[in-house]
PDB file of all heavy atoms in Angstrom:
ATOM      1  N   ARG A   1       0.814  -1.213   0.000  1.00  0.00           N
ATOM      2  CA  ARG A   1       0.000   0.000   0.000  1.00  0.00           C
ATOM      3  C   ARG A   1       0.852   1.270   0.000  1.00  0.00           C
ATOM      4  O   ARG A   1       0.458   2.266  -0.602  1.00  0.00           O
ATOM      5  CB  ARG A   1      -0.933   0.033   1.212  1.00  0.00           C
ATOM      6  CG  ARG A   1      -1.932  -1.110   1.246  1.00  0.00           C
ATOM      7  CD  ARG A   1      -2.963  -0.898   2.351  1.00  0.00           C
ATOM      8  NE  ARG A   1      -2.347  -0.869   3.676  1.00  0.00           N
ATOM      9  CZ  ARG A   1      -2.392   0.174   4.504  1.00  0.00           C
ATOM     10  NH1 ARG A   1      -3.030   1.278   4.144  1.00  0.00           N
ATOM     11  NH2 ARG A   1      -1.820   0.105   5.700  1.00  0.00           N
ATOM     12  N   PHE A   2       1.991   1.235   0.677  1.00  0.00           N
ATOM     13  CA  PHE A   2       2.859   2.401   0.789  1.00  0.00           C
ATOM     14  C   PHE A   2       4.105   2.205  -0.063  1.00  0.00           C
ATOM     15  O   PHE A   2       4.594   1.080  -0.223  1.00  0.00           O
ATOM     16  CB  PHE A   2       3.294   2.633   2.236  1.00  0.00           C
ATOM     17  CG  PHE A   2       2.209   3.089   3.171  1.00  0.00           C
ATOM     18  CD1 PHE A   2       0.873   3.098   2.796  1.00  0.00           C
ATOM     19  CD2 PHE A   2       2.535   3.508   4.450  1.00  0.00           C
ATOM     20  CE1 PHE A   2      -0.122   3.513   3.654  1.00  0.00           C
ATOM     21  CE2 PHE A   2       1.555   3.929   5.325  1.00  0.00           C
ATOM     22  CZ  PHE A   2       0.224   3.935   4.937  1.00  0.00           C
ATOM     23  N   THR A   3       4.646   3.306  -0.567  1.00  0.00           N
ATOM     24  CA  THR A   3       5.873   3.284  -1.348  1.00  0.00           C
ATOM     25  C   THR A   3       6.778   4.421  -0.903  1.00  0.00           C
ATOM     26  O   THR A   3       6.350   5.576  -0.861  1.00  0.00           O
ATOM     27  CB  THR A   3       5.594   3.414  -2.852  1.00  0.00           C
ATOM     28  OG1 THR A   3       4.745   2.347  -3.282  1.00  0.00           O
ATOM     29  CG2 THR A   3       6.899   3.343  -3.639  1.00  0.00           C
ATOM     30  N   ILE A   4       8.025   4.101  -0.575  1.00  0.00           N
ATOM     31  CA  ILE A   4       9.001   5.118  -0.220  1.00  0.00           C
ATOM     32  C   ILE A   4       9.907   5.367  -1.419  1.00  0.00           C
ATOM     33  O   ILE A   4      10.285   4.434  -2.130  1.00  0.00           O
ATOM     34  CB  ILE A   4       9.820   4.706   1.020  1.00  0.00           C
ATOM     35  CG1 ILE A   4      10.724   5.852   1.481  1.00  0.00           C
ATOM     36  CG2 ILE A   4      10.623   3.445   0.770  1.00  0.00           C
ATOM     37  CD1 ILE A   4      11.404   5.595   2.824  1.00  0.00           C
ATOM     38  N   SER A   5      10.246   6.627  -1.650  1.00  0.00           N
ATOM     39  CA  SER A   5      11.125   6.993  -2.749  1.00  0.00           C
ATOM     40  C   SER A   5      11.915   8.232  -2.357  1.00  0.00           C
ATOM     41  O   SER A   5      11.604   8.890  -1.362  1.00  0.00           O
ATOM     42  CB  SER A   5      10.333   7.239  -4.038  1.00  0.00           C
ATOM     43  OG  SER A   5       9.432   8.319  -3.876  1.00  0.00           O
ATOM     44  N   ARG A   6      12.933   8.554  -3.140  1.00  0.00           N
ATOM     45  CA  ARG A   6      13.731   9.742  -2.848  1.00  0.00           C
ATOM     46  C   ARG A   6      14.195  10.409  -4.132  1.00  0.00           C
ATOM     47  O   ARG A   6      14.457   9.746  -5.141  1.00  0.00           O
ATOM     48  CB  ARG A   6      14.919   9.407  -1.942  1.00  0.00           C
ATOM     49  CG  ARG A   6      16.004   8.564  -2.578  1.00  0.00           C
ATOM     50  CD  ARG A   6      16.976   8.022  -1.536  1.00  0.00           C
ATOM     51  NE  ARG A   6      17.603   9.075  -0.754  1.00  0.00           N
ATOM     52  CZ  ARG A   6      18.371   8.864   0.312  1.00  0.00           C
ATOM     53  NH1 ARG A   6      18.582   7.621   0.744  1.00  0.00           N
ATOM     54  NH2 ARG A   6      18.910   9.887   0.967  1.00  0.00           N
ATOM     55  N   ASP A   7      14.299  11.718  -4.073  1.00  0.00           N
ATOM     56  CA  ASP A   7      14.818  12.533  -5.154  1.00  0.00           C
ATOM     57  C   ASP A   7      16.157  13.060  -4.682  1.00  0.00           C
ATOM     58  O   ASP A   7      16.217  13.974  -3.857  1.00  0.00           O
ATOM     59  CB  ASP A   7      13.849  13.667  -5.491  1.00  0.00           C
ATOM     60  CG  ASP A   7      14.274  14.459  -6.711  1.00  0.00           C
ATOM     61  OD1 ASP A   7      15.481  14.583  -6.964  1.00  0.00           O
ATOM     62  OD2 ASP A   7      13.385  14.959  -7.420  1.00  0.00           O
ATOM     63  N   MET A   8      17.246  12.489  -5.180  1.00  0.00           N
ATOM     64  CA  MET A   8      18.581  12.849  -4.718  1.00  0.00           C
ATOM     65  C   MET A   8      18.906  14.313  -5.001  1.00  0.00           C
ATOM     66  O   MET A   8      19.518  14.985  -4.180  1.00  0.00           O
ATOM     67  CB  MET A   8      19.626  11.950  -5.380  1.00  0.00           C
ATOM     68  CG  MET A   8      19.561  10.496  -4.964  1.00  0.00           C
ATOM     69  SD  MET A   8      20.029  10.283  -3.222  1.00  0.00           S
ATOM     70  CE  MET A   8      20.169   8.488  -3.157  1.00  0.00           C
ATOM     71  N   ALA A   9      18.508  14.804  -6.167  1.00  0.00           N
ATOM     72  CA  ALA A   9      18.818  16.175  -6.542  1.00  0.00           C
ATOM     73  C   ALA A   9      18.142  17.183  -5.620  1.00  0.00           C
ATOM     74  O   ALA A   9      18.692  18.252  -5.353  1.00  0.00           O
ATOM     75  CB  ALA A   9      18.415  16.429  -7.993  1.00  0.00           C
ATOM     76  N   LYS A  10      16.946  16.855  -5.126  1.00  0.00           N
ATOM     77  CA  LYS A  10      16.195  17.761  -4.265  1.00  0.00           C
ATOM     78  C   LYS A  10      16.363  17.467  -2.785  1.00  0.00           C
ATOM     79  O   LYS A  10      15.803  18.190  -1.954  1.00  0.00           O
ATOM     80  CB  LYS A  10      14.713  17.717  -4.625  1.00  0.00           C
ATOM     81  CG  LYS A  10      14.398  18.198  -6.031  1.00  0.00           C
ATOM     82  CD  LYS A  10      12.909  18.154  -6.297  1.00  0.00           C
ATOM     83  CE  LYS A  10      12.582  18.670  -7.687  1.00  0.00           C
ATOM     84  NZ  LYS A  10      11.121  18.619  -7.954  1.00  0.00           N
ATOM     85  N   ASN A  11      17.111  16.424  -2.449  1.00  0.00           N
ATOM     86  CA  ASN A  11      17.270  16.006  -1.053  1.00  0.00           C
ATOM     87  C   ASN A  11      15.910  15.844  -0.373  1.00  0.00           C
ATOM     88  O   ASN A  11      15.688  16.319   0.747  1.00  0.00           O
ATOM     89  CB  ASN A  11      18.134  16.997  -0.278  1.00  0.00           C
ATOM     90  CG  ASN A  11      19.584  16.960  -0.697  1.00  0.00           C
ATOM     91  OD1 ASN A  11      20.067  15.952  -1.227  1.00  0.00           O
ATOM     92  ND2 ASN A  11      20.295  18.048  -0.459  1.00  0.00           N
ATOM     93  N   THR A  12      15.020  15.168  -1.054  1.00  0.00           N
ATOM     94  CA  THR A  12      13.664  14.989  -0.571  1.00  0.00           C
ATOM     95  C   THR A  12      13.280  13.513  -0.620  1.00  0.00           C
ATOM     96  O   THR A  12      13.579  12.823  -1.599  1.00  0.00           O
ATOM     97  CB  THR A  12      12.665  15.808  -1.398  1.00  0.00           C
ATOM     98  OG1 THR A  12      13.029  17.196  -1.337  1.00  0.00           O
ATOM     99  CG2 THR A  12      11.250  15.646  -0.867  1.00  0.00           C
ATOM    100  N   VAL A  13      12.622  13.052   0.436  1.00  0.00           N
ATOM    101  CA  VAL A  13      12.131  11.684   0.532  1.00  0.00           C
ATOM    102  C   VAL A  13      10.611  11.723   0.583  1.00  0.00           C
ATOM    103  O   VAL A  13      10.031  12.602   1.234  1.00  0.00           O
ATOM    104  CB  VAL A  13      12.695  10.972   1.771  1.00  0.00           C
ATOM    105  CG1 VAL A  13      12.215   9.529   1.831  1.00  0.00           C
ATOM    106  CG2 VAL A  13      14.212  11.011   1.757  1.00  0.00           C
ATOM    107  N   TYR A  14       9.977  10.774  -0.078  1.00  0.00           N
ATOM    108  CA  TYR A  14       8.528  10.737  -0.154  1.00  0.00           C
ATOM    109  C   TYR A  14       7.993   9.433   0.412  1.00  0.00           C
ATOM    110  O   TYR A  14       8.655   8.397   0.375  1.00  0.00           O
ATOM    111  CB  TYR A  14       8.050  10.873  -1.605  1.00  0.00           C
ATOM    112  CG  TYR A  14       8.546  12.107  -2.304  1.00  0.00           C
ATOM    113  CD1 TYR A  14       9.657  12.045  -3.138  1.00  0.00           C
ATOM    114  CD2 TYR A  14       7.911  13.329  -2.130  1.00  0.00           C
ATOM    115  CE1 TYR A  14      10.120  13.177  -3.782  1.00  0.00           C
ATOM    116  CE2 TYR A  14       8.366  14.465  -2.767  1.00  0.00           C
ATOM    117  CZ  TYR A  14       9.466  14.381  -3.596  1.00  0.00           C
ATOM    118  OH  TYR A  14       9.922  15.505  -4.238  1.00  0.00           O
ATOM    119  N   LEU A  15       6.780   9.497   0.913  1.00  0.00           N
ATOM    120  CA  LEU A  15       6.037   8.312   1.293  1.00  0.00           C
ATOM    121  C   LEU A  15       4.678   8.394   0.615  1.00  0.00           C
ATOM    122  O   LEU A  15       3.842   9.221   0.990  1.00  0.00           O
ATOM    123  CB  LEU A  15       5.876   8.204   2.811  1.00  0.00           C
ATOM    124  CG  LEU A  15       5.195   6.924   3.302  1.00  0.00           C
ATOM    125  CD1 LEU A  15       6.085   5.710   3.027  1.00  0.00           C
ATOM    126  CD2 LEU A  15       4.857   7.011   4.784  1.00  0.00           C
ATOM    127  N   HIS A  16       4.487   7.557  -0.400  1.00  0.00           N
ATOM    128  CA  HIS A  16       3.214   7.491  -1.109  1.00  0.00           C
ATOM    129  C   HIS A  16       2.333   6.470  -0.412  1.00  0.00           C
ATOM    130  O   HIS A  16       2.690   5.297  -0.314  1.00  0.00           O
ATOM    131  CB  HIS A  16       3.434   7.097  -2.564  1.00  0.00           C
ATOM    132  CG  HIS A  16       4.307   8.047  -3.334  1.00  0.00           C
ATOM    133  ND1 HIS A  16       3.799   9.029  -4.147  1.00  0.00           N
ATOM    134  CD2 HIS A  16       5.653   8.155  -3.402  1.00  0.00           C
ATOM    135  CE1 HIS A  16       4.787   9.703  -4.691  1.00  0.00           C
ATOM    136  NE2 HIS A  16       5.926   9.199  -4.248  1.00  0.00           N
ATOM    137  N   MET A  17       1.178   6.906   0.052  1.00  0.00           N
ATOM    138  CA  MET A  17       0.276   6.068   0.815  1.00  0.00           C
ATOM    139  C   MET A  17      -1.012   5.879   0.035  1.00  0.00           C
ATOM    140  O   MET A  17      -1.702   6.851  -0.270  1.00  0.00           O
ATOM    141  CB  MET A  17      -0.008   6.679   2.185  1.00  0.00           C
ATOM    142  CG  MET A  17       1.251   6.958   2.997  1.00  0.00           C
ATOM    143  SD  MET A  17       0.893   7.615   4.653  1.00  0.00           S
ATOM    144  CE  MET A  17       0.200   9.210   4.201  1.00  0.00           C
ATOM    145  N   ASN A  18      -1.320   4.642  -0.280  1.00  0.00           N
ATOM    146  CA  ASN A  18      -2.532   4.299  -1.012  1.00  0.00           C
ATOM    147  C   ASN A  18      -3.444   3.441  -0.141  1.00  0.00           C
ATOM    148  O   ASN A  18      -3.006   2.821   0.825  1.00  0.00           O
ATOM    149  CB  ASN A  18      -2.194   3.547  -2.297  1.00  0.00           C
ATOM    150  CG  ASN A  18      -1.361   4.349  -3.262  1.00  0.00           C
ATOM    151  OD1 ASN A  18      -1.612   5.539  -3.458  1.00  0.00           O
ATOM    152  ND2 ASN A  18      -0.373   3.710  -3.877  1.00  0.00           N
ATOM    153  N   SER A  19      -4.718   3.404  -0.514  1.00  0.00           N
ATOM    154  CA  SER A  19      -5.702   2.581   0.196  1.00  0.00           C
ATOM    155  C   SER A  19      -5.624   2.796   1.700  1.00  0.00           C
ATOM    156  O   SER A  19      -5.558   1.847   2.483  1.00  0.00           O
ATOM    157  CB  SER A  19      -5.495   1.104  -0.151  1.00  0.00           C
ATOM    158  OG  SER A  19      -5.615   0.882  -1.542  1.00  0.00           O
ATOM    159  N   LEU A  20      -5.658   4.027   2.107  1.00  0.00           N
ATOM    160  CA  LEU A  20      -5.492   4.366   3.518  1.00  0.00           C
ATOM    161  C   LEU A  20      -6.632   3.817   4.359  1.00  0.00           C
ATOM    162  O   LEU A  20      -7.788   3.782   3.933  1.00  0.00           O
ATOM    163  CB  LEU A  20      -5.394   5.877   3.691  1.00  0.00           C
ATOM    164  CG  LEU A  20      -4.028   6.464   3.316  1.00  0.00           C
ATOM    165  CD1 LEU A  20      -4.131   7.962   3.127  1.00  0.00           C
ATOM    166  CD2 LEU A  20      -2.994   6.123   4.382  1.00  0.00           C
ATOM    167  N   LYS A  21      -6.283   3.400   5.562  1.00  0.00           N
ATOM    168  CA  LYS A  21      -7.218   2.842   6.523  1.00  0.00           C
ATOM    169  C   LYS A  21      -7.235   3.700   7.783  1.00  0.00           C
ATOM    170  O   LYS A  21      -6.262   4.383   8.081  1.00  0.00           O
ATOM    171  CB  LYS A  21      -6.819   1.414   6.892  1.00  0.00           C
ATOM    172  CG  LYS A  21      -6.639   0.473   5.715  1.00  0.00           C
ATOM    173  CD  LYS A  21      -6.106  -0.875   6.186  1.00  0.00           C
ATOM    174  CE  LYS A  21      -5.894  -1.817   5.031  1.00  0.00           C
ATOM    175  NZ  LYS A  21      -5.353  -3.127   5.481  1.00  0.00           N
ATOM    176  N   PRO A  22      -8.327   3.662   8.546  1.00  0.00           N
ATOM    177  CA  PRO A  22      -8.335   4.397   9.816  1.00  0.00           C
ATOM    178  C   PRO A  22      -7.176   4.021  10.734  1.00  0.00           C
ATOM    179  O   PRO A  22      -6.691   4.876  11.481  1.00  0.00           O
ATOM    180  CB  PRO A  22      -9.687   4.007  10.430  1.00  0.00           C
ATOM    181  CG  PRO A  22     -10.560   3.743   9.253  1.00  0.00           C
ATOM    182  CD  PRO A  22      -9.653   3.088   8.239  1.00  0.00           C
ATOM    183  N   GLU A  23      -6.703   2.787  10.665  1.00  0.00           N
ATOM    184  CA  GLU A  23      -5.580   2.348  11.489  1.00  0.00           C
ATOM    185  C   GLU A  23      -4.263   3.006  11.098  1.00  0.00           C
ATOM    186  O   GLU A  23      -3.291   2.909  11.844  1.00  0.00           O
ATOM    187  CB  GLU A  23      -5.435   0.826  11.420  1.00  0.00           C
ATOM    188  CG  GLU A  23      -6.602   0.077  12.035  1.00  0.00           C
ATOM    189  CD  GLU A  23      -6.444  -1.424  11.986  1.00  0.00           C
ATOM    190  OE1 GLU A  23      -5.528  -1.903  11.278  1.00  0.00           O
ATOM    191  OE2 GLU A  23      -7.223  -2.131  12.657  1.00  0.00           O
ATOM    192  N   ASP A  24      -4.227   3.662   9.938  1.00  0.00           N
ATOM    193  CA  ASP A  24      -3.035   4.391   9.528  1.00  0.00           C
ATOM    194  C   ASP A  24      -2.937   5.763  10.194  1.00  0.00           C
ATOM    195  O   ASP A  24      -1.923   6.445  10.030  1.00  0.00           O
ATOM    196  CB  ASP A  24      -3.010   4.572   8.012  1.00  0.00           C
ATOM    197  CG  ASP A  24      -2.886   3.257   7.266  1.00  0.00           C
ATOM    198  OD1 ASP A  24      -2.092   2.402   7.702  1.00  0.00           O
ATOM    199  OD2 ASP A  24      -3.580   3.095   6.245  1.00  0.00           O
ATOM    200  N   THR A  25      -3.965   6.177  10.905  1.00  0.00           N
ATOM    201  CA  THR A  25      -3.959   7.471  11.571  1.00  0.00           C
ATOM    202  C   THR A  25      -2.828   7.545  12.586  1.00  0.00           C
ATOM    203  O   THR A  25      -2.721   6.705  13.478  1.00  0.00           O
ATOM    204  CB  THR A  25      -5.304   7.727  12.259  1.00  0.00           C
ATOM    205  OG1 THR A  25      -6.338   7.805  11.273  1.00  0.00           O
ATOM    206  CG2 THR A  25      -5.271   9.027  13.044  1.00  0.00           C
ATOM    207  N   ALA A  26      -1.974   8.555  12.442  1.00  0.00           N
ATOM    208  CA  ALA A  26      -0.809   8.703  13.314  1.00  0.00           C
ATOM    209  C   ALA A  26      -0.062   9.964  12.928  1.00  0.00           C
ATOM    210  O   ALA A  26      -0.335  10.586  11.895  1.00  0.00           O
ATOM    211  CB  ALA A  26       0.122   7.492  13.194  1.00  0.00           C
ATOM    212  N   VAL A  27       0.888  10.337  13.762  1.00  0.00           N
ATOM    213  CA  VAL A  27       1.879  11.329  13.385  1.00  0.00           C
ATOM    214  C   VAL A  27       3.011  10.597  12.687  1.00  0.00           C
ATOM    215  O   VAL A  27       3.559   9.639  13.230  1.00  0.00           O
ATOM    216  CB  VAL A  27       2.406  12.109  14.601  1.00  0.00           C
ATOM    217  CG1 VAL A  27       3.502  13.080  14.177  1.00  0.00           C
ATOM    218  CG2 VAL A  27       1.275  12.864  15.283  1.00  0.00           C
ATOM    219  N   TYR A  28       3.355  11.032  11.498  1.00  0.00           N
ATOM    220  CA  TYR A  28       4.391  10.392  10.706  1.00  0.00           C
ATOM    221  C   TYR A  28       5.673  11.198  10.792  1.00  0.00           C
ATOM    222  O   TYR A  28       5.677  12.415  10.586  1.00  0.00           O
ATOM    223  CB  TYR A  28       3.939  10.256   9.250  1.00  0.00           C
ATOM    224  CG  TYR A  28       2.953   9.133   9.044  1.00  0.00           C
ATOM    225  CD1 TYR A  28       1.655   9.236   9.510  1.00  0.00           C
ATOM    226  CD2 TYR A  28       3.333   7.955   8.404  1.00  0.00           C
ATOM    227  CE1 TYR A  28       0.753   8.201   9.352  1.00  0.00           C
ATOM    228  CE2 TYR A  28       2.436   6.916   8.231  1.00  0.00           C
ATOM    229  CZ  TYR A  28       1.150   7.039   8.706  1.00  0.00           C
ATOM    230  OH  TYR A  28       0.260   6.005   8.538  1.00  0.00           O
ATOM    231  N   TYR A  29       6.767  10.499  11.091  1.00  0.00           N
ATOM    232  CA  TYR A  29       8.069  11.126  11.277  1.00  0.00           C
ATOM    233  C   TYR A  29       9.056  10.660  10.224  1.00  0.00           C
ATOM    234  O   TYR A  29       9.116   9.475   9.893  1.00  0.00           O
ATOM    235  CB  TYR A  29       8.639  10.788  12.657  1.00  0.00           C
ATOM    236  CG  TYR A  29       7.835  11.307  13.816  1.00  0.00           C
ATOM    237  CD1 TYR A  29       6.862  10.518  14.419  1.00  0.00           C
ATOM    238  CD2 TYR A  29       8.056  12.587  14.316  1.00  0.00           C
ATOM    239  CE1 TYR A  29       6.123  10.989  15.484  1.00  0.00           C
ATOM    240  CE2 TYR A  29       7.326  13.062  15.380  1.00  0.00           C
ATOM    241  CZ  TYR A  29       6.362  12.260  15.964  1.00  0.00           C
ATOM    242  OH  TYR A  29       5.640  12.729  17.025  1.00  0.00           O
ATOM    243  N   CYS A  30       9.847  11.576   9.746  1.00  0.00           N
ATOM    244  CA  CYS A  30      10.967  11.281   8.868  1.00  0.00           C
ATOM    245  C   CYS A  30      12.231  11.149   9.713  1.00  0.00           C
ATOM    246  O   CYS A  30      12.428  11.914  10.661  1.00  0.00           O
ATOM    247  CB  CYS A  30      11.126  12.403   7.833  1.00  0.00           C
ATOM    248  SG  CYS A  30      12.509  12.216   6.698  1.00  0.00           S
ATOM    249  N   ALA A  31      13.084  10.187   9.385  1.00  0.00           N
ATOM    250  CA  ALA A  31      14.317   9.960  10.121  1.00  0.00           C
ATOM    251  C   ALA A  31      15.455   9.672   9.158  1.00  0.00           C
ATOM    252  O   ALA A  31      15.238   9.150   8.060  1.00  0.00           O
ATOM    253  CB  ALA A  31      14.152   8.793  11.100  1.00  0.00           C
ATOM    254  N   ALA A  32      16.685   9.998   9.582  1.00  0.00           N
ATOM    255  CA  ALA A  32      17.867   9.805   8.754  1.00  0.00           C
ATOM    256  C   ALA A  32      18.945   9.078   9.535  1.00  0.00           C
ATOM    257  O   ALA A  32      19.123   9.320  10.729  1.00  0.00           O
ATOM    258  CB  ALA A  32      18.399  11.151   8.252  1.00  0.00           C
ATOM    259  N   ARG A  33      19.660   8.203   8.852  1.00  0.00           N
ATOM    260  CA  ARG A  33      20.769   7.453   9.427  1.00  0.00           C
ATOM    261  C   ARG A  33      22.021   7.740   8.625  1.00  0.00           C
ATOM    262  O   ARG A  33      22.012   7.588   7.398  1.00  0.00           O
ATOM    263  CB  ARG A  33      20.451   5.960   9.434  1.00  0.00           C
ATOM    264  CG  ARG A  33      21.473   5.085  10.141  1.00  0.00           C
ATOM    265  CD  ARG A  33      20.950   3.659  10.279  1.00  0.00           C
ATOM    266  NE  ARG A  33      21.832   2.828  11.070  1.00  0.00           N
ATOM    267  CZ  ARG A  33      22.761   2.030  10.559  1.00  0.00           C
ATOM    268  NH1 ARG A  33      22.931   1.957   9.235  1.00  0.00           N
ATOM    269  NH2 ARG A  33      23.520   1.309  11.362  1.00  0.00           N
ATOM    270  N   ARG A  34      23.087   8.140   9.285  1.00  0.00           N
ATOM    271  CA  ARG A  34      24.309   8.533   8.580  1.00  0.00           C
ATOM    272  C   ARG A  34      24.912   7.398   7.775  1.00  0.00           C
ATOM    273  O   ARG A  34      25.412   7.630   6.668  1.00  0.00           O
ATOM    274  CB  ARG A  34      25.346   9.074   9.562  1.00  0.00           C
ATOM    275  CG  ARG A  34      24.990  10.427  10.161  1.00  0.00           C
ATOM    276  CD  ARG A  34      26.171  11.011  10.908  1.00  0.00           C
ATOM    277  NE  ARG A  34      26.547  10.190  12.057  1.00  0.00           N
ATOM    278  CZ  ARG A  34      26.082  10.347  13.274  1.00  0.00           C
ATOM    279  NH1 ARG A  34      25.202  11.322  13.524  1.00  0.00           N
ATOM    280  NH2 ARG A  34      26.479   9.561  14.256  1.00  0.00           N
TER     281      ARG A  34
END
């Protein structure tokens, strides 16, 4: 249902969420690992 992707040139990461359910309700956090 979800797809993660990144645009290296823009230094941007995306999370595409499809077929969302009420159980997906939450605060979503982005994190980075060196």
